């Protein structure tokens, strides 16, 4: 494509004049906003090792009471996007949150969609619109946009979880805000959900039209599904499950997609080259993650509770480093991109 004129090619008085009228010329920046053939992501391949997060996060519990923090979180910020932007990717926010025994993080609701992936500890819970959800290691807890939610801790050890929100997108849209409320009245619990193994509840042949019929996806159920696939389909290319709304088959939330991969012992899987950024979190096990981003190859060695991100159109390989299964949770921007019609996949090089 032809090289375009630059801002320096224009007379200074012309630039000053149009700027004073809140006007800017497009052509000097056109190749930046519409790069030829492929995006030029600012998102950098990044690893956040849990061993580097845990100490400072526990220290924050000594430094700042939850009453002064509301949510005691260390944000996993991508250096390519700027630490002040608190974004892991253009759509995905990641943060490690700490709740100590006896603490209560007050109830509120906000416009961004959120999920919690439980990393460490027992005894905590999240109450969403009156439904109390216990938080156990590996569980995924939804708190969709506009739902009241609070966190409490009845146990005796720190509980830590990974927050995943579409905050960067909603913030960019100037649509972020939060509303407080008092402590919720618990109306039911998520312990005995009827949604399992293809079963959905009906009322006199009428299906549930709830936007989010499941709020807690138990790790024990996800792990069982992964092992069932591996046992029944030993030649399958990749052992993976998606977190979905069982009533309509759509992604569990509207903007970010969630799935889980089981790497069989010593297995390497090559992920499809996608137009969306992806975040990875090791629920259990040890793996090497190789990211080829426009011929810039980086290797991350990851273990339990480590988190990483890969930019759009990167080639990603995951290799299990042990003779035991490795379980990898994945969050991606695909649902958002599919909604606006820009999602695509490409052949690997």
C-alpha atoms as a PDB file:
ATOM      1  CA  UNK A   1       0.000   0.000   0.000  1.00  0.00           C
ATOM      2  CA  UNK A   2       1.169   3.523  -0.736  1.00  0.00           C
ATOM      3  CA  UNK A   3       2.918   5.560   1.916  1.00  0.00           C
ATOM      4  CA  UNK A   4       0.674   8.407   2.986  1.00  0.00           C
ATOM      5  CA  UNK A   5       1.457  12.031   3.742  1.00  0.00           C
ATOM      6  CA  UNK A   6       2.403  12.843   7.308  1.00  0.00           C
ATOM      7  CA  UNK A   7       1.390  15.625   9.636  1.00  0.00           C
ATOM      8  CA  UNK A   8       4.770  17.237   9.014  1.00  0.00           C
ATOM      9  CA  UNK A   9       3.860  17.590   5.334  1.00  0.00           C
ATOM     10  CA  UNK A  10       1.111  20.050   6.231  1.00  0.00           C
ATOM     11  CA  UNK A  11       1.695  23.742   6.934  1.00  0.00           C
ATOM     12  CA  UNK A  12       1.892  24.407  10.675  1.00  0.00           C
ATOM     13  CA  UNK A  13      -0.649  27.231  10.471  1.00  0.00           C
ATOM     14  CA  UNK A  14      -3.115  24.900   8.720  1.00  0.00           C
ATOM     15  CA  UNK A  15      -2.764  22.282  11.453  1.00  0.00           C
ATOM     16  CA  UNK A  16      -3.147  24.935  14.148  1.00  0.00           C
ATOM     17  CA  UNK A  17      -6.252  26.317  12.435  1.00  0.00           C
ATOM     18  CA  UNK A  18      -8.091  22.993  12.087  1.00  0.00           C
ATOM     19  CA  UNK A  19      -7.089  21.891  15.601  1.00  0.00           C
ATOM     20  CA  UNK A  20      -8.631  25.080  16.976  1.00  0.00           C
ATOM     21  CA  UNK A  21     -11.887  23.934  15.360  1.00  0.00           C
ATOM     22  CA  UNK A  22     -11.563  20.451  16.958  1.00  0.00           C
ATOM     23  CA  UNK A  23     -10.632  18.908  13.609  1.00  0.00           C
ATOM     24  CA  UNK A  24      -7.772  16.545  12.772  1.00  0.00           C
ATOM     25  CA  UNK A  25      -6.652  15.093   9.414  1.00  0.00           C
ATOM     26  CA  UNK A  26      -7.198  11.356   9.049  1.00  0.00           C
ATOM     27  CA  UNK A  27      -4.553  10.409   6.493  1.00  0.00           C
ATOM     28  CA  UNK A  28      -1.440  10.855   8.692  1.00  0.00           C
ATOM     29  CA  UNK A  29      -2.886   8.324  11.147  1.00  0.00           C
ATOM     30  CA  UNK A  30      -4.848   6.110   8.760  1.00  0.00           C
ATOM     31  CA  UNK A  31      -2.298   3.270   8.692  1.00  0.00           C
ATOM     32  CA  UNK A  32      -2.278   3.230  12.511  1.00  0.00           C
ATOM     33  CA  UNK A  33      -6.031   2.906  12.970  1.00  0.00           C
ATOM     34  CA  UNK A  34      -6.492   0.683   9.893  1.00  0.00           C
ATOM     35  CA  UNK A  35      -3.232  -1.278   9.504  1.00  0.00           C
ATOM     36  CA  UNK A  36      -2.877  -3.358   6.344  1.00  0.00           C
ATOM     37  CA  UNK A  37      -3.945  -7.021   6.498  1.00  0.00           C
ATOM     38  CA  UNK A  38      -3.565  -7.611  10.258  1.00  0.00           C
ATOM     39  CA  UNK A  39      -4.113  -5.704  13.503  1.00  0.00           C
ATOM     40  CA  UNK A  40      -1.132  -4.325  15.388  1.00  0.00           C
ATOM     41  CA  UNK A  41      -2.046  -5.221  18.963  1.00  0.00           C
ATOM     42  CA  UNK A  42      -0.598  -3.275  21.845  1.00  0.00           C
ATOM     43  CA  UNK A  43      -1.413  -6.222  24.119  1.00  0.00           C
ATOM     44  CA  UNK A  44       1.857  -7.946  25.020  1.00  0.00           C
ATOM     45  CA  UNK A  45       2.294 -11.608  25.902  1.00  0.00           C
ATOM     46  CA  UNK A  46       2.487 -11.413  29.693  1.00  0.00           C
ATOM     47  CA  UNK A  47       2.878 -13.857  32.568  1.00  0.00           C
ATOM     48  CA  UNK A  48       1.747 -13.188  36.136  1.00  0.00           C
ATOM     49  CA  UNK A  49       3.242 -15.876  38.370  1.00  0.00           C
ATOM     50  CA  UNK A  50       1.115 -16.579  41.432  1.00  0.00           C
ATOM     51  CA  UNK A  51       4.224 -16.777  43.605  1.00  0.00           C
ATOM     52  CA  UNK A  52       4.814 -13.103  42.778  1.00  0.00           C
ATOM     53  CA  UNK A  53       1.207 -12.117  43.511  1.00  0.00           C
ATOM     54  CA  UNK A  54       0.378 -14.017  46.685  1.00  0.00           C
ATOM     55  CA  UNK A  55       2.790 -12.299  49.067  1.00  0.00           C
ATOM     56  CA  UNK A  56       1.888  -8.709  48.137  1.00  0.00           C
ATOM     57  CA  UNK A  57      -1.809  -9.638  48.096  1.00  0.00           C
ATOM     58  CA  UNK A  58      -1.664 -11.069  51.630  1.00  0.00           C
ATOM     59  CA  UNK A  59       0.339  -7.997  52.691  1.00  0.00           C
ATOM     60  CA  UNK A  60      -2.482  -5.810  51.382  1.00  0.00           C
ATOM     61  CA  UNK A  61      -4.720  -7.530  53.934  1.00  0.00           C
ATOM     62  CA  UNK A  62      -2.471  -6.158  56.674  1.00  0.00           C
ATOM     63  CA  UNK A  63      -2.236  -2.698  55.144  1.00  0.00           C
ATOM     64  CA  UNK A  64      -5.838  -2.021  54.121  1.00  0.00           C
ATOM     65  CA  UNK A  65      -8.971  -3.288  55.890  1.00  0.00           C
ATOM     66  CA  UNK A  66     -11.721  -4.430  53.547  1.00  0.00           C
ATOM     67  CA  UNK A  67     -13.915  -1.573  54.776  1.00  0.00           C
ATOM     68  CA  UNK A  68     -11.402   0.856  53.265  1.00  0.00           C
ATOM     69  CA  UNK A  69     -10.963  -1.122  50.052  1.00  0.00           C
ATOM     70  CA  UNK A  70     -14.473  -2.469  49.331  1.00  0.00           C
ATOM     71  CA  UNK A  71     -12.735  -4.970  47.056  1.00  0.00           C
ATOM     72  CA  UNK A  72      -9.119  -5.768  47.992  1.00  0.00           C
ATOM     73  CA  UNK A  73      -7.604  -6.536  44.598  1.00  0.00           C
ATOM     74  CA  UNK A  74      -4.234  -6.465  42.854  1.00  0.00           C
ATOM     75  CA  UNK A  75      -4.857  -5.837  39.154  1.00  0.00           C
ATOM     76  CA  UNK A  76      -2.976  -7.868  36.541  1.00  0.00           C
ATOM     77  CA  UNK A  77      -2.083  -5.028  34.158  1.00  0.00           C
ATOM     78  CA  UNK A  78      -0.659  -5.594  30.689  1.00  0.00           C
ATOM     79  CA  UNK A  79       2.463  -3.430  30.171  1.00  0.00           C
ATOM     80  CA  UNK A  80       1.653  -2.941  26.506  1.00  0.00           C
ATOM     81  CA  UNK A  81      -1.618  -1.237  27.381  1.00  0.00           C
ATOM     82  CA  UNK A  82      -0.165   0.847  30.232  1.00  0.00           C
ATOM     83  CA  UNK A  83      -0.332  -0.054  33.905  1.00  0.00           C
ATOM     84  CA  UNK A  84      -2.697   2.858  34.624  1.00  0.00           C
ATOM     85  CA  UNK A  85      -5.296   1.372  32.271  1.00  0.00           C
ATOM     86  CA  UNK A  86      -5.621  -1.755  34.460  1.00  0.00           C
ATOM     87  CA  UNK A  87      -6.333  -3.964  31.443  1.00  0.00           C
ATOM     88  CA  UNK A  88      -5.037  -7.424  30.562  1.00  0.00           C
ATOM     89  CA  UNK A  89      -6.366  -6.968  27.015  1.00  0.00           C
ATOM     90  CA  UNK A  90      -8.625  -4.411  25.296  1.00  0.00           C
ATOM     91  CA  UNK A  91     -11.711  -6.219  26.649  1.00  0.00           C
ATOM     92  CA  UNK A  92     -10.484  -8.288  29.603  1.00  0.00           C
ATOM     93  CA  UNK A  93      -9.681  -7.081  33.125  1.00  0.00           C
ATOM     94  CA  UNK A  94      -7.946  -9.513  35.502  1.00  0.00           C
ATOM     95  CA  UNK A  95      -7.460  -9.058  39.227  1.00  0.00           C
ATOM     96  CA  UNK A  96      -6.545 -11.233  42.207  1.00  0.00           C
ATOM     97  CA  UNK A  97      -8.893 -10.574  45.114  1.00  0.00           C
ATOM     98  CA  UNK A  98      -8.315 -11.380  48.796  1.00  0.00           C
ATOM     99  CA  UNK A  99     -10.922 -12.008  51.486  1.00  0.00           C
ATOM    100  CA  UNK A 100      -9.803 -12.787  55.032  1.00  0.00           C
ATOM    101  CA  UNK A 101     -11.685 -14.854  57.625  1.00  0.00           C
ATOM    102  CA  UNK A 102     -14.703 -13.026  59.013  1.00  0.00           C
ATOM    103  CA  UNK A 103     -14.638 -10.305  56.367  1.00  0.00           C
ATOM    104  CA  UNK A 104     -17.581  -9.157  54.279  1.00  0.00           C
ATOM    105  CA  UNK A 105     -17.188  -7.294  50.989  1.00  0.00           C
ATOM    106  CA  UNK A 106     -20.355  -5.168  50.789  1.00  0.00           C
ATOM    107  CA  UNK A 107     -23.122  -5.800  48.309  1.00  0.00           C
ATOM    108  CA  UNK A 108     -23.228  -3.748  45.131  1.00  0.00           C
ATOM    109  CA  UNK A 109     -24.026  -4.054  41.455  1.00  0.00           C
ATOM    110  CA  UNK A 110     -22.287  -2.589  38.450  1.00  0.00           C
ATOM    111  CA  UNK A 111     -22.481  -2.417  34.692  1.00  0.00           C
ATOM    112  CA  UNK A 112     -19.467  -4.624  33.794  1.00  0.00           C
ATOM    113  CA  UNK A 113     -19.994  -8.383  33.697  1.00  0.00           C
ATOM    114  CA  UNK A 114     -17.776 -10.304  36.109  1.00  0.00           C
ATOM    115  CA  UNK A 115     -16.796 -13.843  37.039  1.00  0.00           C
ATOM    116  CA  UNK A 116     -14.739 -15.229  39.912  1.00  0.00           C
ATOM    117  CA  UNK A 117     -12.420 -18.218  39.482  1.00  0.00           C
ATOM    118  CA  UNK A 118     -11.481 -19.557  42.900  1.00  0.00           C
ATOM    119  CA  UNK A 119      -7.712 -19.900  43.363  1.00  0.00           C
ATOM    120  CA  UNK A 120      -7.048 -20.693  47.017  1.00  0.00           C
ATOM    121  CA  UNK A 121      -8.828 -21.342  50.319  1.00  0.00           C
ATOM    122  CA  UNK A 122     -12.212 -22.517  51.589  1.00  0.00           C
ATOM    123  CA  UNK A 123     -15.112 -21.061  53.508  1.00  0.00           C
ATOM    124  CA  UNK A 124     -15.964 -18.039  51.369  1.00  0.00           C
ATOM    125  CA  UNK A 125     -19.147 -17.450  49.424  1.00  0.00           C
ATOM    126  CA  UNK A 126     -20.687 -15.029  46.964  1.00  0.00           C
ATOM    127  CA  UNK A 127     -24.355 -14.111  47.194  1.00  0.00           C
ATOM    128  CA  UNK A 128     -25.879 -13.051  43.864  1.00  0.00           C
ATOM    129  CA  UNK A 129     -29.422 -11.670  43.878  1.00  0.00           C
ATOM    130  CA  UNK A 130     -30.189 -13.687  47.004  1.00  0.00           C
ATOM    131  CA  UNK A 131     -28.541 -16.944  45.828  1.00  0.00           C
ATOM    132  CA  UNK A 132     -25.637 -18.010  48.032  1.00  0.00           C
ATOM    133  CA  UNK A 133     -22.808 -19.691  46.116  1.00  0.00           C
ATOM    134  CA  UNK A 134     -20.037 -21.471  48.042  1.00  0.00           C
ATOM    135  CA  UNK A 135     -16.589 -20.783  46.598  1.00  0.00           C
ATOM    136  CA  UNK A 136     -14.347 -23.846  46.226  1.00  0.00           C
ATOM    137  CA  UNK A 137     -11.072 -24.179  44.345  1.00  0.00           C
ATOM    138  CA  UNK A 138     -11.622 -24.111  40.577  1.00  0.00           C
ATOM    139  CA  UNK A 139     -15.268 -23.042  40.781  1.00  0.00           C
ATOM    140  CA  UNK A 140     -16.467 -20.355  38.374  1.00  0.00           C
ATOM    141  CA  UNK A 141     -18.960 -17.887  39.887  1.00  0.00           C
ATOM    142  CA  UNK A 142     -20.894 -15.500  37.632  1.00  0.00           C
ATOM    143  CA  UNK A 143     -21.910 -11.985  38.659  1.00  0.00           C
ATOM    144  CA  UNK A 144     -23.471 -10.670  35.440  1.00  0.00           C
ATOM    145  CA  UNK A 145     -24.082  -7.020  34.710  1.00  0.00           C
ATOM    146  CA  UNK A 146     -26.694  -5.500  37.008  1.00  0.00           C
ATOM    147  CA  UNK A 147     -26.809  -8.329  39.555  1.00  0.00           C
ATOM    148  CA  UNK A 148     -26.419  -7.553  43.253  1.00  0.00           C
ATOM    149  CA  UNK A 149     -23.466  -9.429  44.714  1.00  0.00           C
ATOM    150  CA  UNK A 150     -21.460  -9.562  47.912  1.00  0.00           C
ATOM    151  CA  UNK A 151     -18.660 -11.740  49.271  1.00  0.00           C
ATOM    152  CA  UNK A 152     -18.396 -13.204  52.757  1.00  0.00           C
ATOM    153  CA  UNK A 153     -16.016 -15.506  54.564  1.00  0.00           C
ATOM    154  CA  UNK A 154     -17.039 -18.017  57.245  1.00  0.00           C
ATOM    155  CA  UNK A 155     -13.794 -20.001  57.129  1.00  0.00           C
ATOM    156  CA  UNK A 156     -10.489 -19.714  58.952  1.00  0.00           C
ATOM    157  CA  UNK A 157      -7.919 -19.142  56.185  1.00  0.00           C
ATOM    158  CA  UNK A 158      -7.453 -16.516  53.454  1.00  0.00           C
ATOM    159  CA  UNK A 159      -9.465 -17.023  50.275  1.00  0.00           C
ATOM    160  CA  UNK A 160      -8.145 -15.720  46.953  1.00  0.00           C
ATOM    161  CA  UNK A 161      -9.854 -15.688  43.587  1.00  0.00           C
ATOM    162  CA  UNK A 162      -9.268 -14.375  40.072  1.00  0.00           C
ATOM    163  CA  UNK A 163     -11.683 -11.659  38.952  1.00  0.00           C
ATOM    164  CA  UNK A 164     -12.387 -11.505  35.207  1.00  0.00           C
ATOM    165  CA  UNK A 165     -14.446  -8.564  33.946  1.00  0.00           C
ATOM    166  CA  UNK A 166     -15.233  -6.806  30.671  1.00  0.00           C
ATOM    167  CA  UNK A 167     -14.392  -3.571  32.504  1.00  0.00           C
ATOM    168  CA  UNK A 168     -12.025  -2.114  29.837  1.00  0.00           C
ATOM    169  CA  UNK A 169     -14.731  -2.304  27.183  1.00  0.00           C
ATOM    170  CA  UNK A 170     -17.498  -0.903  29.379  1.00  0.00           C
ATOM    171  CA  UNK A 171     -15.189   1.831  30.684  1.00  0.00           C
ATOM    172  CA  UNK A 172     -14.195   2.790  27.138  1.00  0.00           C
ATOM    173  CA  UNK A 173     -17.927   3.068  26.361  1.00  0.00           C
ATOM    174  CA  UNK A 174     -18.306   5.496  29.302  1.00  0.00           C
ATOM    175  CA  UNK A 175     -20.911   3.170  30.776  1.00  0.00           C
ATOM    176  CA  UNK A 176     -19.265   2.096  34.039  1.00  0.00           C
ATOM    177  CA  UNK A 177     -20.896   2.794  37.382  1.00  0.00           C
ATOM    178  CA  UNK A 178     -21.685   0.988  40.637  1.00  0.00           C
ATOM    179  CA  UNK A 179     -24.640   1.045  43.035  1.00  0.00           C
ATOM    180  CA  UNK A 180     -24.392   0.023  46.714  1.00  0.00           C
ATOM    181  CA  UNK A 181     -27.012  -1.809  48.768  1.00  0.00           C
ATOM    182  CA  UNK A 182     -27.221  -3.300  52.252  1.00  0.00           C
ATOM    183  CA  UNK A 183     -26.546  -6.938  53.097  1.00  0.00           C
ATOM    184  CA  UNK A 184     -28.648  -9.309  51.012  1.00  0.00           C
ATOM    185  CA  UNK A 185     -31.226 -11.719  52.334  1.00  0.00           C
ATOM    186  CA  UNK A 186     -30.287 -15.265  51.301  1.00  0.00           C
ATOM    187  CA  UNK A 187     -33.215 -16.878  49.513  1.00  0.00           C
ATOM    188  CA  UNK A 188     -31.583 -20.072  48.204  1.00  0.00           C
ATOM    189  CA  UNK A 189     -28.224 -21.710  47.569  1.00  0.00           C
ATOM    190  CA  UNK A 190     -26.522 -23.039  44.451  1.00  0.00           C
ATOM    191  CA  UNK A 191     -25.604 -26.348  46.069  1.00  0.00           C
ATOM    192  CA  UNK A 192     -28.366 -28.477  44.526  1.00  0.00           C
ATOM    193  CA  UNK A 193     -28.622 -27.122  40.981  1.00  0.00           C
ATOM    194  CA  UNK A 194     -30.884 -29.183  38.688  1.00  0.00           C
ATOM    195  CA  UNK A 195     -28.726 -28.257  35.693  1.00  0.00           C
ATOM    196  CA  UNK A 196     -26.486 -31.263  35.149  1.00  0.00           C
ATOM    197  CA  UNK A 197     -25.850 -33.823  32.388  1.00  0.00           C
ATOM    198  CA  UNK A 198     -28.271 -32.255  29.918  1.00  0.00           C
ATOM    199  CA  UNK A 199     -31.086 -31.895  32.449  1.00  0.00           C
ATOM    200  CA  UNK A 200     -32.976 -28.584  32.576  1.00  0.00           C
ATOM    201  CA  UNK A 201     -35.976 -27.838  34.784  1.00  0.00           C
ATOM    202  CA  UNK A 202     -39.385 -27.056  33.256  1.00  0.00           C
ATOM    203  CA  UNK A 203     -42.678 -25.838  34.713  1.00  0.00           C
ATOM    204  CA  UNK A 204     -45.589 -27.614  33.025  1.00  0.00           C
ATOM    205  CA  UNK A 205     -43.529 -27.963  29.823  1.00  0.00           C
ATOM    206  CA  UNK A 206     -42.363 -24.338  29.914  1.00  0.00           C
ATOM    207  CA  UNK A 207     -38.598 -23.784  29.848  1.00  0.00           C
ATOM    208  CA  UNK A 208     -36.818 -21.284  32.053  1.00  0.00           C
ATOM    209  CA  UNK A 209     -36.179 -17.961  30.312  1.00  0.00           C
ATOM    210  CA  UNK A 210     -33.663 -16.729  32.911  1.00  0.00           C
ATOM    211  CA  UNK A 211     -30.694 -14.989  31.318  1.00  0.00           C
ATOM    212  CA  UNK A 212     -28.313 -16.720  33.741  1.00  0.00           C
ATOM    213  CA  UNK A 213     -29.831 -19.976  35.012  1.00  0.00           C
ATOM    214  CA  UNK A 214     -26.473 -21.124  36.413  1.00  0.00           C
ATOM    215  CA  UNK A 215     -24.384 -18.839  38.598  1.00  0.00           C
ATOM    216  CA  UNK A 216     -21.909 -21.384  39.942  1.00  0.00           C
ATOM    217  CA  UNK A 217     -20.072 -23.843  37.706  1.00  0.00           C
ATOM    218  CA  UNK A 218     -18.486 -26.349  40.080  1.00  0.00           C
ATOM    219  CA  UNK A 219     -14.950 -27.415  39.318  1.00  0.00           C
ATOM    220  CA  UNK A 220     -15.732 -31.017  40.243  1.00  0.00           C
ATOM    221  CA  UNK A 221     -18.350 -31.123  37.451  1.00  0.00           C
ATOM    222  CA  UNK A 222     -16.027 -29.494  34.907  1.00  0.00           C
ATOM    223  CA  UNK A 223     -13.189 -31.868  35.792  1.00  0.00           C
ATOM    224  CA  UNK A 224     -15.499 -34.861  35.497  1.00  0.00           C
ATOM    225  CA  UNK A 225     -16.632 -33.721  32.037  1.00  0.00           C
ATOM    226  CA  UNK A 226     -13.026 -33.303  30.863  1.00  0.00           C
ATOM    227  CA  UNK A 227     -12.053 -36.790  32.010  1.00  0.00           C
ATOM    228  CA  UNK A 228     -15.182 -38.271  30.425  1.00  0.00           C
ATOM    229  CA  UNK A 229     -14.210 -36.752  27.066  1.00  0.00           C
ATOM    230  CA  UNK A 230     -10.630 -38.028  27.389  1.00  0.00           C
ATOM    231  CA  UNK A 231     -11.813 -41.546  28.238  1.00  0.00           C
ATOM    232  CA  UNK A 232     -14.517 -41.762  25.564  1.00  0.00           C
ATOM    233  CA  UNK A 233     -12.607 -39.986  22.787  1.00  0.00           C
ATOM    234  CA  UNK A 234      -8.935 -40.935  23.217  1.00  0.00           C
ATOM    235  CA  UNK A 235      -8.058 -39.608  19.730  1.00  0.00           C
ATOM    236  CA  UNK A 236      -9.723 -36.205  20.133  1.00  0.00           C
ATOM    237  CA  UNK A 237      -7.400 -33.357  19.122  1.00  0.00           C
ATOM    238  CA  UNK A 238      -8.025 -31.278  22.249  1.00  0.00           C
ATOM    239  CA  UNK A 239      -9.926 -32.065  25.453  1.00  0.00           C
ATOM    240  CA  UNK A 240     -11.928 -28.905  26.090  1.00  0.00           C
ATOM    241  CA  UNK A 241     -15.285 -27.835  27.500  1.00  0.00           C
ATOM    242  CA  UNK A 242     -17.097 -24.492  27.312  1.00  0.00           C
ATOM    243  CA  UNK A 243     -19.046 -22.755  30.060  1.00  0.00           C
ATOM    244  CA  UNK A 244     -22.484 -22.109  28.558  1.00  0.00           C
ATOM    245  CA  UNK A 245     -26.058 -21.161  29.382  1.00  0.00           C
ATOM    246  CA  UNK A 246     -27.761 -24.603  29.357  1.00  0.00           C
ATOM    247  CA  UNK A 247     -31.106 -23.108  28.322  1.00  0.00           C
ATOM    248  CA  UNK A 248     -29.919 -21.634  25.021  1.00  0.00           C
ATOM    249  CA  UNK A 249     -26.397 -22.950  24.417  1.00  0.00           C
ATOM    250  CA  UNK A 250     -24.941 -19.440  24.335  1.00  0.00           C
ATOM    251  CA  UNK A 251     -21.775 -18.439  26.255  1.00  0.00           C
ATOM    252  CA  UNK A 252     -22.222 -18.219  30.021  1.00  0.00           C
ATOM    253  CA  UNK A 253     -21.876 -14.419  29.807  1.00  0.00           C
ATOM    254  CA  UNK A 254     -22.386 -11.910  27.020  1.00  0.00           C
ATOM    255  CA  UNK A 255     -18.962 -10.446  26.289  1.00  0.00           C
ATOM    256  CA  UNK A 256     -16.190 -12.820  27.419  1.00  0.00           C
ATOM    257  CA  UNK A 257     -16.111 -16.527  26.642  1.00  0.00           C
ATOM    258  CA  UNK A 258     -14.941 -19.142  29.151  1.00  0.00           C
ATOM    259  CA  UNK A 259     -13.641 -22.655  28.587  1.00  0.00           C
ATOM    260  CA  UNK A 260     -11.321 -25.207  30.165  1.00  0.00           C
ATOM    261  CA  UNK A 261      -8.686 -27.401  28.553  1.00  0.00           C
ATOM    262  CA  UNK A 262      -7.249 -30.603  29.970  1.00  0.00           C
ATOM    263  CA  UNK A 263      -3.740 -31.321  28.734  1.00  0.00           C
ATOM    264  CA  UNK A 264      -3.121 -35.032  28.906  1.00  0.00           C
ATOM    265  CA  UNK A 265       0.238 -36.204  30.320  1.00  0.00           C
ATOM    266  CA  UNK A 266       3.138 -34.764  28.290  1.00  0.00           C
ATOM    267  CA  UNK A 267       0.722 -33.592  25.595  1.00  0.00           C
ATOM    268  CA  UNK A 268       1.160 -30.513  23.380  1.00  0.00           C
ATOM    269  CA  UNK A 269      -1.871 -28.819  21.834  1.00  0.00           C
ATOM    270  CA  UNK A 270      -1.737 -26.137  19.172  1.00  0.00           C
ATOM    271  CA  UNK A 271      -4.573 -23.647  19.502  1.00  0.00           C
ATOM    272  CA  UNK A 272      -6.308 -22.139  16.514  1.00  0.00           C
ATOM    273  CA  UNK A 273      -5.060 -18.701  15.474  1.00  0.00           C
ATOM    274  CA  UNK A 274      -7.861 -16.340  16.519  1.00  0.00           C
ATOM    275  CA  UNK A 275      -8.726 -12.664  16.151  1.00  0.00           C
ATOM    276  CA  UNK A 276      -9.292 -12.305  19.904  1.00  0.00           C
ATOM    277  CA  UNK A 277      -6.940 -11.988  22.846  1.00  0.00           C
ATOM    278  CA  UNK A 278      -6.975 -14.882  25.317  1.00  0.00           C
ATOM    279  CA  UNK A 279      -6.201 -15.148  29.019  1.00  0.00           C
ATOM    280  CA  UNK A 280      -5.003 -18.426  30.560  1.00  0.00           C
ATOM    281  CA  UNK A 281      -5.050 -19.589  34.192  1.00  0.00           C
ATOM    282  CA  UNK A 282      -3.640 -22.900  35.415  1.00  0.00           C
ATOM    283  CA  UNK A 283      -6.170 -24.475  37.767  1.00  0.00           C
ATOM    284  CA  UNK A 284      -3.805 -27.348  38.471  1.00  0.00           C
ATOM    285  CA  UNK A 285      -0.682 -28.826  36.912  1.00  0.00           C
ATOM    286  CA  UNK A 286       2.461 -27.640  35.129  1.00  0.00           C
ATOM    287  CA  UNK A 287       2.818 -26.508  31.541  1.00  0.00           C
ATOM    288  CA  UNK A 288       4.864 -24.531  29.059  1.00  0.00           C
ATOM    289  CA  UNK A 289       3.058 -21.909  27.010  1.00  0.00           C
ATOM    290  CA  UNK A 290       4.686 -20.855  23.731  1.00  0.00           C
ATOM    291  CA  UNK A 291       3.365 -17.648  22.149  1.00  0.00           C
ATOM    292  CA  UNK A 292       4.423 -16.770  18.596  1.00  0.00           C
ATOM    293  CA  UNK A 293       3.318 -13.166  18.140  1.00  0.00           C
ATOM    294  CA  UNK A 294       4.275 -12.005  14.636  1.00  0.00           C
ATOM    295  CA  UNK A 295       7.460 -14.146  14.759  1.00  0.00           C
ATOM    296  CA  UNK A 296       8.333 -12.906  18.247  1.00  0.00           C
ATOM    297  CA  UNK A 297       8.390 -16.194  20.186  1.00  0.00           C
ATOM    298  CA  UNK A 298       8.135 -16.294  23.976  1.00  0.00           C
ATOM    299  CA  UNK A 299       7.976 -19.270  26.340  1.00  0.00           C
ATOM    300  CA  UNK A 300       6.244 -19.115  29.713  1.00  0.00           C
ATOM    301  CA  UNK A 301       6.624 -21.929  32.252  1.00  0.00           C
ATOM    302  CA  UNK A 302       3.408 -21.993  34.254  1.00  0.00           C
ATOM    303  CA  UNK A 303       2.274 -23.855  37.344  1.00  0.00           C
ATOM    304  CA  UNK A 304      -0.833 -23.940  39.528  1.00  0.00           C
ATOM    305  CA  UNK A 305      -2.556 -20.529  39.849  1.00  0.00           C
ATOM    306  CA  UNK A 306      -0.318 -18.764  37.308  1.00  0.00           C
ATOM    307  CA  UNK A 307      -2.041 -16.477  34.786  1.00  0.00           C
ATOM    308  CA  UNK A 308      -1.022 -15.232  31.339  1.00  0.00           C
ATOM    309  CA  UNK A 309      -2.400 -13.463  28.283  1.00  0.00           C
ATOM    310  CA  UNK A 310      -1.779 -13.785  24.547  1.00  0.00           C
ATOM    311  CA  UNK A 311      -2.690 -11.099  21.977  1.00  0.00           C
ATOM    312  CA  UNK A 312      -4.909 -11.520  18.936  1.00  0.00           C
ATOM    313  CA  UNK A 313      -3.704 -13.711  16.065  1.00  0.00           C
ATOM    314  CA  UNK A 314      -0.853 -15.136  18.128  1.00  0.00           C
ATOM    315  CA  UNK A 315       0.022 -18.789  17.654  1.00  0.00           C
ATOM    316  CA  UNK A 316      -0.302 -20.454  21.057  1.00  0.00           C
ATOM    317  CA  UNK A 317       1.025 -23.905  22.008  1.00  0.00           C
ATOM    318  CA  UNK A 318       0.355 -25.493  25.403  1.00  0.00           C
ATOM    319  CA  UNK A 319       2.619 -28.330  26.590  1.00  0.00           C
ATOM    320  CA  UNK A 320       2.000 -30.420  29.688  1.00  0.00           C
ATOM    321  CA  UNK A 321       5.313 -30.755  31.530  1.00  0.00           C
ATOM    322  CA  UNK A 322       4.344 -33.717  33.701  1.00  0.00           C
ATOM    323  CA  UNK A 323       2.878 -37.201  33.604  1.00  0.00           C
ATOM    324  CA  UNK A 324      -0.307 -35.933  35.268  1.00  0.00           C
ATOM    325  CA  UNK A 325      -3.150 -33.953  33.649  1.00  0.00           C
ATOM    326  CA  UNK A 326      -2.877 -30.171  33.546  1.00  0.00           C
ATOM    327  CA  UNK A 327      -6.070 -28.092  33.672  1.00  0.00           C
ATOM    328  CA  UNK A 328      -6.087 -24.677  31.986  1.00  0.00           C
ATOM    329  CA  UNK A 329      -8.935 -22.163  32.245  1.00  0.00           C
ATOM    330  CA  UNK A 330      -9.311 -19.847  29.233  1.00  0.00           C
ATOM    331  CA  UNK A 331     -11.078 -16.487  28.944  1.00  0.00           C
ATOM    332  CA  UNK A 332     -11.367 -14.870  25.512  1.00  0.00           C
ATOM    333  CA  UNK A 333     -12.945 -11.939  23.692  1.00  0.00           C
ATOM    334  CA  UNK A 334     -14.695 -14.062  21.034  1.00  0.00           C
ATOM    335  CA  UNK A 335     -18.353 -13.492  22.123  1.00  0.00           C
ATOM    336  CA  UNK A 336     -17.890  -9.724  21.894  1.00  0.00           C
ATOM    337  CA  UNK A 337     -16.157  -9.919  18.523  1.00  0.00           C
ATOM    338  CA  UNK A 338     -18.820 -12.292  17.179  1.00  0.00           C
ATOM    339  CA  UNK A 339     -21.563  -9.898  18.237  1.00  0.00           C
ATOM    340  CA  UNK A 340     -20.042  -7.032  16.241  1.00  0.00           C
ATOM    341  CA  UNK A 341     -19.072  -9.273  13.320  1.00  0.00           C
ATOM    342  CA  UNK A 342     -15.271  -9.058  13.428  1.00  0.00           C
ATOM    343  CA  UNK A 343     -14.293 -12.487  14.784  1.00  0.00           C
ATOM    344  CA  UNK A 344     -12.136 -14.618  12.488  1.00  0.00           C
ATOM    345  CA  UNK A 345      -9.627 -17.466  12.450  1.00  0.00           C
ATOM    346  CA  UNK A 346      -6.521 -17.898  10.303  1.00  0.00           C
ATOM    347  CA  UNK A 347      -4.177 -20.662   9.253  1.00  0.00           C
ATOM    348  CA  UNK A 348      -1.086 -21.070  11.387  1.00  0.00           C
ATOM    349  CA  UNK A 349       2.239 -20.403   9.726  1.00  0.00           C
END
